[in-house]
Every structure is written in C-alpha cells, then in structure tokens.
Amino acid sequence: MPELPEAQTIAQDLDGSLRGSSVARTELLFRPSLAGTMPLSELHGRAFTGAARRGKCVILRFGDLSLLASLRMTGQFVFGRSPGSGEGGPAGGKGKRSWPPHVRAALVLDGFEGPEGEDSLMFRDIRKFGRLHVCRPADEEALLPASARGRDVTELSPEEFHSRLASSGAPLKVALMDQGVMAGLGNIYATEILFEAGVSPFRPAASLSRHESDIILEAARSILDQAVRMRGSTVSNYQAPLGPGSYQELHKAYGKAGKPCPRCGTTLEKVRAAGRTTVFCPLCQK
C-alpha cells in the first residue's frame, strides 16, 4: 500500500501533468471500484484544477467536484491511450484496441497528450481493493476513509506527537501505523524510522520519554522528507504516473532480514507482530 511519500509523489505528478486539461469522457470498467452514489460521468466537461494528498489518499479536483482515490493494496494512476485514440495497443474483438489489463476506470482527457500519445488517466488495480469516490469538496472530509482523516506525522508538534504516543496502549510500531493516532505511515517507513531512531518496535508506546519521542519524530521528518524527494519506495506494486521512486535504495531495515545491520553488523531479525512483518536489529533496537 502506498504510504505518505508515494501518495505525495502521485499527487505531485498529477498536479503538474494535468493542468490545462478537462474530462472529455469517463469509463467505469469495474463497478465496485466506484464508491458512493455520484457517477463518474459527473466529471464530464470539467476542468482539472489540482491534486492533493490526505494521509495515504490522493484527491483530484475538478472545479466544484472532487475525485477521492483510496489506492489500498495495488491501486495506481497511470497515463495511457484510450481505445479510440488510434492504432496500436492490445487488441480486443474485431481488431479494436481495448483498455490494458487491470484498468478499472479511466478519464479520457482533452488538452492533455503524453510523450507517447497518451490521452487518458487510468486507474489500474490488480487486486480490486482500491476505491474512487466522486463528491463535492465540502463532503471530502466526511467521505475520506478513517485512515486519511488523522493529522500527518509531519504536521504534529513534538508535544502533540509525544502526547499521542503516551495515550496509546499499543506497541510502538503499531502506534506509529495507527492512522487514528497519526496519518501517513505504514510498514515500510515505520520500520525505517524506528531503526534510525534506535528504538525497539515492541516497546510500549506509552513508555517513551519526551526525549525518546523527539528522536523518533526527528527521524520521521528526515526520512519522509528524503523519501518524497526520491519519489517514494518502488517495492511491490507502487508506480507513480511519471515514473518509479528510488528511496528503496536507502532502506536500512525494511526487507533486509538476515542481513547484517548497517550500524553494528548484528544480523537483522524478522518477527511477525500485529499481523505485519517487523524487521529490526536486536542489538541497536533493544
């Protein structure tokens, strides 16, 4: 699932690429991908006015309407060519082009053309868990999933960050990934942040001193800022409209179980906790 840096990268790519375009028509190829009661066709004829991120969600705005996108496990926004845009591409029935595999919805655009003749923004979702939602801007907050309503970890003051951890009854890593406590973190960045801070992921969140929580918050801000600048971590199914990220090249703990700790040389261990795989250094993160 895309986390804060990946969702931020997707929003930035779309915000810069779609300016000046408008929706000519829409295609909904998998009905369950659209939540709510407002049809995707409500976007017809509306000009794109910007994109933003809330938590792990991406919001596309078209004047007085918004398109909320909860990408979940495998949702992606990619540019492509609509079946009626010319020759080439996969054929479907009688030689006519069809949408590529796993495309669940698409916006065919006026005023936009990619470097290879792309004229559409496609929502691709292999596992079909992602959801789109057309709504009025005033309704965005109420319709966002709970995971996108909390404040970003990067927005919290040191005092508020410590207070939220102190009020949690969960182990530290679980608390960091609790979107009701703070939004934006998932398994990748929680693992990297705690490794950088040198704190055990199994430590009760409420047991941290103010000094310790300050170290964690500083690590979070530094790592997330660099990850955004490097377009996120391209692992599993993450793909942004304008290309992959490269922060995975700097991962020190995530996905490194069995390898030596880059800080002390101790073998990094992997434990299944709270339903997620946790990689940590048993010496550096006592």
C-alpha atoms as a PDB file:
ATOM      1  CA  MET A   1       0.000   0.000   0.000  1.00  0.00           C
ATOM      2  CA  PRO A   2       1.411   3.437  -0.888  1.00  0.00           C
ATOM      3  CA  GLU A   3       2.403   5.408   2.192  1.00  0.00           C
ATOM      4  CA  LEU A   4       2.864   9.162   2.641  1.00  0.00           C
ATOM      5  CA  PRO A   5       5.844   9.615   0.261  1.00  0.00           C
ATOM      6  CA  GLU A   6       4.265   7.535  -2.501  1.00  0.00           C
ATOM      7  CA  ALA A   7       0.846   9.221  -2.245  1.00  0.00           C
ATOM      8  CA  GLN A   8       2.547  12.634  -2.175  1.00  0.00           C
ATOM      9  CA  THR A   9       4.526  11.756  -5.306  1.00  0.00           C
ATOM     10  CA  ILE A  10       1.393  10.617  -7.141  1.00  0.00           C
ATOM     11  CA  ALA A  11      -0.444  13.828  -6.202  1.00  0.00           C
ATOM     12  CA  GLN A  12       2.504  15.978  -7.308  1.00  0.00           C
ATOM     13  CA  ASP A  13       2.802  14.143 -10.634  1.00  0.00           C
ATOM     14  CA  LEU A  14      -0.877  14.594 -11.396  1.00  0.00           C
ATOM     15  CA  ASP A  15      -0.986  18.195 -10.215  1.00  0.00           C
ATOM     16  CA  GLY A  16       1.803  19.150 -12.590  1.00  0.00           C
ATOM     17  CA  SER A  17       0.763  16.999 -15.551  1.00  0.00           C
ATOM     18  CA  LEU A  18      -2.982  17.556 -15.800  1.00  0.00           C
ATOM     19  CA  ARG A  19      -3.111  21.339 -15.535  1.00  0.00           C
ATOM     20  CA  GLY A  20      -4.964  22.750 -18.538  1.00  0.00           C
ATOM     21  CA  SER A  21      -6.837  19.534 -19.259  1.00  0.00           C
ATOM     22  CA  SER A  22     -10.505  18.646 -18.888  1.00  0.00           C
ATOM     23  CA  VAL A  23     -12.512  15.435 -18.847  1.00  0.00           C
ATOM     24  CA  ALA A  24     -13.899  14.514 -22.270  1.00  0.00           C
ATOM     25  CA  ARG A  25     -15.482  11.264 -21.106  1.00  0.00           C
ATOM     26  CA  THR A  26     -15.091   8.564 -18.489  1.00  0.00           C
ATOM     27  CA  GLU A  27     -15.073   4.785 -18.444  1.00  0.00           C
ATOM     28  CA  LEU A  28     -16.003   2.639 -15.451  1.00  0.00           C
ATOM     29  CA  LEU A  29     -14.862  -0.897 -16.215  1.00  0.00           C
ATOM     30  CA  PHE A  30     -15.304  -2.412 -12.747  1.00  0.00           C
ATOM     31  CA  ARG A  31     -18.363  -1.080 -10.939  1.00  0.00           C
ATOM     32  CA  PRO A  32     -17.188  -1.877  -7.360  1.00  0.00           C
ATOM     33  CA  SER A  33     -14.188   0.438  -7.851  1.00  0.00           C
ATOM     34  CA  LEU A  34     -16.564   3.408  -7.604  1.00  0.00           C
ATOM     35  CA  ALA A  35     -17.965   4.107  -4.151  1.00  0.00           C
ATOM     36  CA  GLY A  36     -20.834   6.401  -3.273  1.00  0.00           C
ATOM     37  CA  THR A  37     -23.839   7.432  -5.308  1.00  0.00           C
ATOM     38  CA  MET A  38     -22.417  10.067  -7.662  1.00  0.00           C
ATOM     39  CA  PRO A  39     -21.471   8.577 -11.065  1.00  0.00           C
ATOM     40  CA  LEU A  40     -18.032   9.031 -12.590  1.00  0.00           C
ATOM     41  CA  SER A  41     -19.743  10.655 -15.565  1.00  0.00           C
ATOM     42  CA  GLU A  42     -20.421  13.730 -13.397  1.00  0.00           C
ATOM     43  CA  LEU A  43     -16.836  14.728 -14.218  1.00  0.00           C
ATOM     44  CA  HIS A  44     -17.606  15.087 -17.948  1.00  0.00           C
ATOM     45  CA  GLY A  45     -16.638  18.510 -19.266  1.00  0.00           C
ATOM     46  CA  ARG A  46     -14.996  19.636 -16.037  1.00  0.00           C
ATOM     47  CA  ALA A  47     -11.523  21.156 -15.998  1.00  0.00           C
ATOM     48  CA  PHE A  48      -8.818  19.742 -13.772  1.00  0.00           C
ATOM     49  CA  THR A  49      -7.915  22.254 -11.066  1.00  0.00           C
ATOM     50  CA  GLY A  50      -5.386  20.433  -8.906  1.00  0.00           C
ATOM     51  CA  ALA A  51      -4.383  17.388  -6.893  1.00  0.00           C
ATOM     52  CA  ALA A  52      -3.600  16.937  -3.228  1.00  0.00           C
ATOM     53  CA  ARG A  53      -2.898  14.234  -0.647  1.00  0.00           C
ATOM     54  CA  ARG A  54      -4.606  13.390   2.628  1.00  0.00           C
ATOM     55  CA  GLY A  55      -2.938  10.636   4.614  1.00  0.00           C
ATOM     56  CA  LYS A  56      -2.393   7.851   2.079  1.00  0.00           C
ATOM     57  CA  CYS A  57      -5.218   9.067  -0.199  1.00  0.00           C
ATOM     58  CA  VAL A  58      -4.996  11.158  -3.371  1.00  0.00           C
ATOM     59  CA  ILE A  59      -7.592  13.816  -4.197  1.00  0.00           C
ATOM     60  CA  LEU A  60      -8.131  15.105  -7.751  1.00  0.00           C
ATOM     61  CA  ARG A  61     -10.184  18.284  -8.029  1.00  0.00           C
ATOM     62  CA  PHE A  62     -12.313  19.350 -10.976  1.00  0.00           C
ATOM     63  CA  GLY A  63     -13.779  22.708 -10.006  1.00  0.00           C
ATOM     64  CA  ASP A  64     -16.831  22.046  -7.848  1.00  0.00           C
ATOM     65  CA  LEU A  65     -16.284  18.264  -7.808  1.00  0.00           C
ATOM     66  CA  SER A  66     -13.556  16.067  -6.321  1.00  0.00           C
ATOM     67  CA  LEU A  67     -12.395  12.550  -7.078  1.00  0.00           C
ATOM     68  CA  LEU A  68     -11.141  10.817  -3.940  1.00  0.00           C
ATOM     69  CA  ALA A  69      -8.813   7.869  -4.528  1.00  0.00           C
ATOM     70  CA  SER A  70      -8.031   5.286  -1.888  1.00  0.00           C
ATOM     71  CA  LEU A  71      -5.340   3.212  -3.604  1.00  0.00           C
ATOM     72  CA  ARG A  72      -5.091   0.498  -0.954  1.00  0.00           C
ATOM     73  CA  MET A  73      -3.015  -2.543  -1.920  1.00  0.00           C
ATOM     74  CA  THR A  74      -2.439  -2.241  -5.684  1.00  0.00           C
ATOM     75  CA  GLY A  75      -4.207   0.903  -6.933  1.00  0.00           C
ATOM     76  CA  GLN A  76      -2.235   3.002  -9.425  1.00  0.00           C
ATOM     77  CA  PHE A  77      -2.775   6.093 -11.545  1.00  0.00           C
ATOM     78  CA  VAL A  78      -1.050   5.705 -14.912  1.00  0.00           C
ATOM     79  CA  PHE A  79      -1.265   7.522 -18.222  1.00  0.00           C
ATOM     80  CA  GLY A  80      -2.336   5.619 -21.308  1.00  0.00           C
ATOM     81  CA  ARG A  81      -4.129   5.731 -24.644  1.00  0.00           C
ATOM     82  CA  SER A  82      -7.858   5.236 -24.864  1.00  0.00           C
ATOM     83  CA  PRO A  83      -9.145   2.516 -27.238  1.00  0.00           C
ATOM     84  CA  GLY A  84     -10.368   5.126 -29.689  1.00  0.00           C
ATOM     85  CA  SER A  85      -7.161   7.163 -29.824  1.00  0.00           C
ATOM     86  CA  GLY A  86      -5.520   5.477 -32.809  1.00  0.00           C
ATOM     87  CA  GLU A  87      -3.672   2.372 -33.857  1.00  0.00           C
ATOM     88  CA  GLY A  88      -1.593   0.100 -31.666  1.00  0.00           C
ATOM     89  CA  GLY A  89      -2.024  -1.362 -28.210  1.00  0.00           C
ATOM     90  CA  PRO A  90      -3.722  -4.601 -27.194  1.00  0.00           C
ATOM     91  CA  ALA A  91      -6.491  -5.780 -29.459  1.00  0.00           C
ATOM     92  CA  GLY A  92      -9.912  -6.736 -28.249  1.00  0.00           C
ATOM     93  CA  GLY A  93     -12.593  -8.201 -30.530  1.00  0.00           C
ATOM     94  CA  LYS A  94     -12.556  -7.469 -34.271  1.00  0.00           C
ATOM     95  CA  GLY A  95      -9.118  -5.889 -34.057  1.00  0.00           C
ATOM     96  CA  LYS A  96     -10.210  -2.936 -31.957  1.00  0.00           C
ATOM     97  CA  ARG A  97      -7.981  -1.771 -29.147  1.00  0.00           C
ATOM     98  CA  SER A  98      -9.184  -2.248 -25.579  1.00  0.00           C
ATOM     99  CA  TRP A  99      -8.097  -0.865 -22.243  1.00  0.00           C
ATOM    100  CA  PRO A 100      -4.981  -2.540 -20.819  1.00  0.00           C
ATOM    101  CA  PRO A 101      -5.378  -5.324 -18.254  1.00  0.00           C
ATOM    102  CA  HIS A 102      -6.478  -4.401 -14.727  1.00  0.00           C
ATOM    103  CA  VAL A 103      -7.746  -0.923 -15.686  1.00  0.00           C
ATOM    104  CA  ARG A 104     -10.870  -0.402 -13.564  1.00  0.00           C
ATOM    105  CA  ALA A 105     -11.709   3.187 -14.545  1.00  0.00           C
ATOM    106  CA  ALA A 106     -10.375   5.878 -16.846  1.00  0.00           C
ATOM    107  CA  LEU A 107     -10.690   9.586 -17.552  1.00  0.00           C
ATOM    108  CA  VAL A 108     -10.247  10.432 -21.244  1.00  0.00           C
ATOM    109  CA  LEU A 109      -8.882  13.968 -21.360  1.00  0.00           C
ATOM    110  CA  ASP A 110      -8.989  16.997 -23.617  1.00  0.00           C
ATOM    111  CA  GLY A 111      -5.949  19.255 -23.550  1.00  0.00           C
ATOM    112  CA  PHE A 112      -3.551  16.527 -22.452  1.00  0.00           C
ATOM    113  CA  GLU A 113      -1.158  14.438 -24.512  1.00  0.00           C
ATOM    114  CA  GLY A 114       1.666  12.386 -23.065  1.00  0.00           C
ATOM    115  CA  PRO A 115       5.026  11.800 -24.774  1.00  0.00           C
ATOM    116  CA  GLU A 116       3.743   8.614 -26.417  1.00  0.00           C
ATOM    117  CA  GLY A 117       0.332   9.941 -27.367  1.00  0.00           C
ATOM    118  CA  GLU A 118      -1.353   9.168 -24.042  1.00  0.00           C
ATOM    119  CA  ASP A 119      -4.724  10.865 -23.727  1.00  0.00           C
ATOM    120  CA  SER A 120      -6.121   9.221 -20.586  1.00  0.00           C
ATOM    121  CA  LEU A 121      -5.593   8.876 -16.868  1.00  0.00           C
ATOM    122  CA  MET A 122      -6.227   5.245 -15.974  1.00  0.00           C
ATOM    123  CA  PHE A 123      -6.955   3.762 -12.567  1.00  0.00           C
ATOM    124  CA  ARG A 124      -5.308   0.350 -12.563  1.00  0.00           C
ATOM    125  CA  ASP A 125      -5.862  -2.041  -9.677  1.00  0.00           C
ATOM    126  CA  ILE A 126      -4.784  -5.684  -9.848  1.00  0.00           C
ATOM    127  CA  ARG A 127      -6.411  -6.816  -6.599  1.00  0.00           C
ATOM    128  CA  LYS A 128      -9.524  -4.615  -6.957  1.00  0.00           C
ATOM    129  CA  PHE A 129      -9.418  -3.240  -3.396  1.00  0.00           C
ATOM    130  CA  GLY A 130      -8.943   0.414  -4.400  1.00  0.00           C
ATOM    131  CA  ARG A 131     -11.876   2.811  -4.402  1.00  0.00           C
ATOM    132  CA  LEU A 132     -12.785   6.043  -6.213  1.00  0.00           C
ATOM    133  CA  HIS A 133     -15.414   8.453  -4.921  1.00  0.00           C
ATOM    134  CA  VAL A 134     -16.886  11.464  -6.728  1.00  0.00           C
ATOM    135  CA  CYS A 135     -18.134  14.136  -4.338  1.00  0.00           C
ATOM    136  CA  ARG A 136     -18.474  17.831  -3.589  1.00  0.00           C
ATOM    137  CA  PRO A 137     -15.405  19.443  -1.984  1.00  0.00           C
ATOM    138  CA  ALA A 138     -17.426  20.225   1.121  1.00  0.00           C
ATOM    139  CA  ASP A 139     -18.060  16.498   1.570  1.00  0.00           C
ATOM    140  CA  GLU A 140     -14.442  15.362   1.220  1.00  0.00           C
ATOM    141  CA  GLU A 141     -13.700  15.188   4.935  1.00  0.00           C
ATOM    142  CA  ALA A 142     -16.731  13.068   5.734  1.00  0.00           C
ATOM    143  CA  LEU A 143     -16.139  10.688   2.818  1.00  0.00           C
ATOM    144  CA  LEU A 144     -12.405  10.149   3.269  1.00  0.00           C
ATOM    145  CA  PRO A 145     -11.591   6.780   4.831  1.00  0.00           C
ATOM    146  CA  ALA A 146     -10.722   6.900   8.502  1.00  0.00           C
ATOM    147  CA  SER A 147      -7.110   6.252   7.535  1.00  0.00           C
ATOM    148  CA  ALA A 148      -6.918   9.682   5.847  1.00  0.00           C
ATOM    149  CA  ARG A 149      -8.566  11.837   8.487  1.00  0.00           C
ATOM    150  CA  GLY A 150      -5.778  11.955  11.032  1.00  0.00           C
ATOM    151  CA  ARG A 151      -3.056  14.578  11.020  1.00  0.00           C
ATOM    152  CA  ASP A 152       0.160  13.745   9.207  1.00  0.00           C
ATOM    153  CA  VAL A 153       3.015  12.731  11.439  1.00  0.00           C
ATOM    154  CA  THR A 154       4.977  15.584   9.840  1.00  0.00           C
ATOM    155  CA  GLU A 155       2.357  18.126  10.973  1.00  0.00           C
ATOM    156  CA  LEU A 156       2.479  17.220  14.661  1.00  0.00           C
ATOM    157  CA  SER A 157       4.401  19.324  17.145  1.00  0.00           C
ATOM    158  CA  PRO A 158       6.844  17.436  19.406  1.00  0.00           C
ATOM    159  CA  GLU A 159       4.425  17.943  22.301  1.00  0.00           C
ATOM    160  CA  GLU A 160       1.457  16.551  20.402  1.00  0.00           C
ATOM    161  CA  PHE A 161       3.462  13.649  19.000  1.00  0.00           C
ATOM    162  CA  HIS A 162       4.575  12.589  22.477  1.00  0.00           C
ATOM    163  CA  SER A 163       1.057  13.030  23.844  1.00  0.00           C
ATOM    164  CA  ARG A 164      -0.418  10.773  21.167  1.00  0.00           C
ATOM    165  CA  LEU A 165       2.128   8.048  21.809  1.00  0.00           C
ATOM    166  CA  ALA A 166       1.654   8.376  25.570  1.00  0.00           C
ATOM    167  CA  SER A 167      -2.099   7.808  25.223  1.00  0.00           C
ATOM    168  CA  SER A 168      -1.660   4.674  23.077  1.00  0.00           C
ATOM    169  CA  GLY A 169      -1.855   1.246  24.644  1.00  0.00           C
ATOM    170  CA  ALA A 170      -0.118  -0.396  21.691  1.00  0.00           C
ATOM    171  CA  PRO A 171       3.485  -1.382  20.934  1.00  0.00           C
ATOM    172  CA  LEU A 172       5.388   1.477  19.365  1.00  0.00           C
ATOM    173  CA  LYS A 173       5.370   0.279  15.759  1.00  0.00           C
ATOM    174  CA  VAL A 174       1.653  -0.477  15.908  1.00  0.00           C
ATOM    175  CA  ALA A 175       1.018   3.005  17.323  1.00  0.00           C
ATOM    176  CA  LEU A 176       3.007   4.654  14.528  1.00  0.00           C
ATOM    177  CA  MET A 177       0.943   2.785  11.936  1.00  0.00           C
ATOM    178  CA  ASP A 178      -2.382   3.576  13.614  1.00  0.00           C
ATOM    179  CA  GLN A 179      -3.899   6.149  11.240  1.00  0.00           C
ATOM    180  CA  GLY A 180      -6.147   7.368  14.053  1.00  0.00           C
ATOM    181  CA  VAL A 181      -3.050   8.343  16.032  1.00  0.00           C
ATOM    182  CA  MET A 182      -1.275   9.916  13.046  1.00  0.00           C
ATOM    183  CA  ALA A 183      -1.684   9.545   9.287  1.00  0.00           C
ATOM    184  CA  GLY A 184       0.727   8.532   6.546  1.00  0.00           C
ATOM    185  CA  LEU A 185       2.923   5.772   7.978  1.00  0.00           C
ATOM    186  CA  GLY A 186       2.794   2.100   7.040  1.00  0.00           C
ATOM    187  CA  ASN A 187       5.117  -0.854   7.415  1.00  0.00           C
ATOM    188  CA  ILE A 188       7.968   0.461   5.277  1.00  0.00           C
ATOM    189  CA  TYR A 189       8.516   3.830   6.891  1.00  0.00           C
ATOM    190  CA  ALA A 190       7.626   2.791  10.449  1.00  0.00           C
ATOM    191  CA  THR A 191      10.348   0.125  10.137  1.00  0.00           C
ATOM    192  CA  GLU A 192      12.889   2.597   8.784  1.00  0.00           C
ATOM    193  CA  ILE A 193      12.057   5.317  11.312  1.00  0.00           C
ATOM    194  CA  LEU A 194      12.407   3.050  14.335  1.00  0.00           C
ATOM    195  CA  PHE A 195      15.666   1.631  13.028  1.00  0.00           C
ATOM    196  CA  GLU A 196      17.040   5.127  12.503  1.00  0.00           C
ATOM    197  CA  ALA A 197      15.914   6.176  15.991  1.00  0.00           C
ATOM    198  CA  GLY A 198      17.358   3.030  17.561  1.00  0.00           C
ATOM    199  CA  VAL A 199      14.158   2.140  19.399  1.00  0.00           C
ATOM    200  CA  SER A 200      12.533  -1.286  19.624  1.00  0.00           C
ATOM    201  CA  PRO A 201       9.306  -1.670  17.640  1.00  0.00           C
ATOM    202  CA  PHE A 202       7.930  -3.764  20.517  1.00  0.00           C
ATOM    203  CA  ARG A 203       8.422  -1.095  23.173  1.00  0.00           C
ATOM    204  CA  PRO A 204       5.095   0.106  24.656  1.00  0.00           C
ATOM    205  CA  ALA A 205       4.415   3.465  23.017  1.00  0.00           C
ATOM    206  CA  ALA A 206       3.273   4.924  26.326  1.00  0.00           C
ATOM    207  CA  SER A 207       6.638   4.162  27.931  1.00  0.00           C
ATOM    208  CA  LEU A 208       8.640   6.603  25.806  1.00  0.00           C
ATOM    209  CA  SER A 209      10.164   9.645  27.408  1.00  0.00           C
ATOM    210  CA  ARG A 210       9.750  13.019  25.762  1.00  0.00           C
ATOM    211  CA  HIS A 211      13.395  12.880  24.659  1.00  0.00           C
ATOM    212  CA  GLU A 212      12.880   9.495  23.006  1.00  0.00           C
ATOM    213  CA  SER A 213       9.742  10.603  21.182  1.00  0.00           C
ATOM    214  CA  ASP A 214      11.601  13.701  19.958  1.00  0.00           C
ATOM    215  CA  ILE A 215      14.284  11.446  18.432  1.00  0.00           C
ATOM    216  CA  ILE A 216      11.612   9.362  16.680  1.00  0.00           C
ATOM    217  CA  LEU A 217       9.821  12.432  15.334  1.00  0.00           C
ATOM    218  CA  GLU A 218      13.082  13.887  14.039  1.00  0.00           C
ATOM    219  CA  ALA A 219      13.848  10.581  12.288  1.00  0.00           C
ATOM    220  CA  ALA A 220      10.334  10.505  10.808  1.00  0.00           C
ATOM    221  CA  ARG A 221      10.581  14.005   9.387  1.00  0.00           C
ATOM    222  CA  SER A 222      14.033  13.395   7.919  1.00  0.00           C
ATOM    223  CA  ILE A 223      13.173  10.042   6.336  1.00  0.00           C
ATOM    224  CA  LEU A 224       9.809  11.115   4.941  1.00  0.00           C
ATOM    225  CA  ASP A 225      11.250  14.323   3.506  1.00  0.00           C
ATOM    226  CA  GLN A 226      14.017  12.453   1.721  1.00  0.00           C
ATOM    227  CA  ALA A 227      11.628   9.743   0.543  1.00  0.00           C
ATOM    228  CA  VAL A 228       9.348  12.363  -1.026  1.00  0.00           C
ATOM    229  CA  ARG A 229      12.334  13.950  -2.782  1.00  0.00           C
ATOM    230  CA  MET A 230      13.269  10.494  -4.112  1.00  0.00           C
ATOM    231  CA  ARG A 231       9.678   9.806  -5.256  1.00  0.00           C
ATOM    232  CA  GLY A 232       8.994   7.132  -2.665  1.00  0.00           C
ATOM    233  CA  SER A 233       9.988   3.480  -2.453  1.00  0.00           C
ATOM    234  CA  THR A 234       9.357   1.329  -5.519  1.00  0.00           C
ATOM    235  CA  VAL A 235       8.615  -2.020  -3.928  1.00  0.00           C
ATOM    236  CA  SER A 236       5.785  -4.411  -4.735  1.00  0.00           C
ATOM    237  CA  ASN A 237       3.138  -2.660  -6.897  1.00  0.00           C
ATOM    238  CA  TYR A 238       3.912   1.019  -6.354  1.00  0.00           C
ATOM    239  CA  GLN A 239       4.061   3.088  -9.523  1.00  0.00           C
ATOM    240  CA  ALA A 240       3.641   6.842  -9.924  1.00  0.00           C
ATOM    241  CA  PRO A 241       2.381   8.455 -13.149  1.00  0.00           C
ATOM    242  CA  LEU A 242       5.770   9.934 -14.074  1.00  0.00           C
ATOM    243  CA  GLY A 243       7.976   7.037 -13.069  1.00  0.00           C
ATOM    244  CA  PRO A 244       9.238   4.993 -10.133  1.00  0.00           C
ATOM    245  CA  GLY A 245      10.808   6.058  -6.881  1.00  0.00           C
ATOM    246  CA  SER A 246      14.294   5.235  -5.656  1.00  0.00           C
ATOM    247  CA  TYR A 247      14.164   5.540  -1.858  1.00  0.00           C
ATOM    248  CA  GLN A 248      14.216   1.742  -1.597  1.00  0.00           C
ATOM    249  CA  GLU A 249      17.926   2.018  -2.381  1.00  0.00           C
ATOM    250  CA  LEU A 250      18.391   3.669   1.026  1.00  0.00           C
ATOM    251  CA  HIS A 251      16.343   1.205   3.085  1.00  0.00           C
ATOM    252  CA  LYS A 252      18.386   0.064   6.069  1.00  0.00           C
ATOM    253  CA  ALA A 253      15.985  -2.411   7.687  1.00  0.00           C
ATOM    254  CA  TYR A 254      12.819  -2.955   5.649  1.00  0.00           C
ATOM    255  CA  GLY A 255      13.211  -6.116   3.570  1.00  0.00           C
ATOM    256  CA  LYS A 256      16.716  -6.716   4.975  1.00  0.00           C
ATOM    257  CA  ALA A 257      16.054  -9.617   7.367  1.00  0.00           C
ATOM    258  CA  GLY A 258      19.042 -11.945   7.620  1.00  0.00           C
ATOM    259  CA  LYS A 259      21.500  -9.281   6.500  1.00  0.00           C
ATOM    260  CA  PRO A 260      23.995  -7.504   8.768  1.00  0.00           C
ATOM    261  CA  CYS A 261      22.845  -4.361  10.499  1.00  0.00           C
ATOM    262  CA  PRO A 262      24.451  -1.401   8.668  1.00  0.00           C
ATOM    263  CA  ARG A 263      25.172   0.179  12.052  1.00  0.00           C
ATOM    264  CA  CYS A 264      26.603  -2.644  14.204  1.00  0.00           C
ATOM    265  CA  GLY A 265      26.840  -5.732  11.989  1.00  0.00           C
ATOM    266  CA  THR A 266      24.374  -7.834  14.018  1.00  0.00           C
ATOM    267  CA  THR A 267      22.067  -9.970  11.872  1.00  0.00           C
ATOM    268  CA  LEU A 268      18.744  -8.228  11.367  1.00  0.00           C
ATOM    269  CA  GLU A 269      15.793 -10.280  12.599  1.00  0.00           C
ATOM    270  CA  LYS A 270      12.256 -10.647  11.283  1.00  0.00           C
ATOM    271  CA  VAL A 271       9.260 -11.173  13.553  1.00  0.00           C
ATOM    272  CA  ARG A 272       5.559 -11.330  12.760  1.00  0.00           C
ATOM    273  CA  ALA A 273       3.791  -8.922  15.107  1.00  0.00           C
ATOM    274  CA  ALA A 274       0.283  -7.467  14.992  1.00  0.00           C
ATOM    275  CA  GLY A 275      -0.231  -9.076  11.609  1.00  0.00           C
ATOM    276  CA  ARG A 276       2.774  -7.376   9.986  1.00  0.00           C
ATOM    277  CA  THR A 277       6.367  -8.426   9.398  1.00  0.00           C
ATOM    278  CA  THR A 278       8.766  -6.400  11.513  1.00  0.00           C
ATOM    279  CA  VAL A 279      12.490  -6.241  10.766  1.00  0.00           C
ATOM    280  CA  PHE A 280      14.793  -4.862  13.457  1.00  0.00           C
ATOM    281  CA  CYS A 281      18.267  -5.057  14.938  1.00  0.00           C
ATOM    282  CA  PRO A 282      18.216  -6.938  18.253  1.00  0.00           C
ATOM    283  CA  LEU A 283      21.285  -5.006  19.440  1.00  0.00           C
ATOM    284  CA  CYS A 284      20.645  -1.446  18.188  1.00  0.00           C
ATOM    285  CA  GLN A 285      16.925  -1.569  18.966  1.00  0.00           C
ATOM    286  CA  LYS A 286      16.836  -3.184  22.396  1.00  0.00           C
END
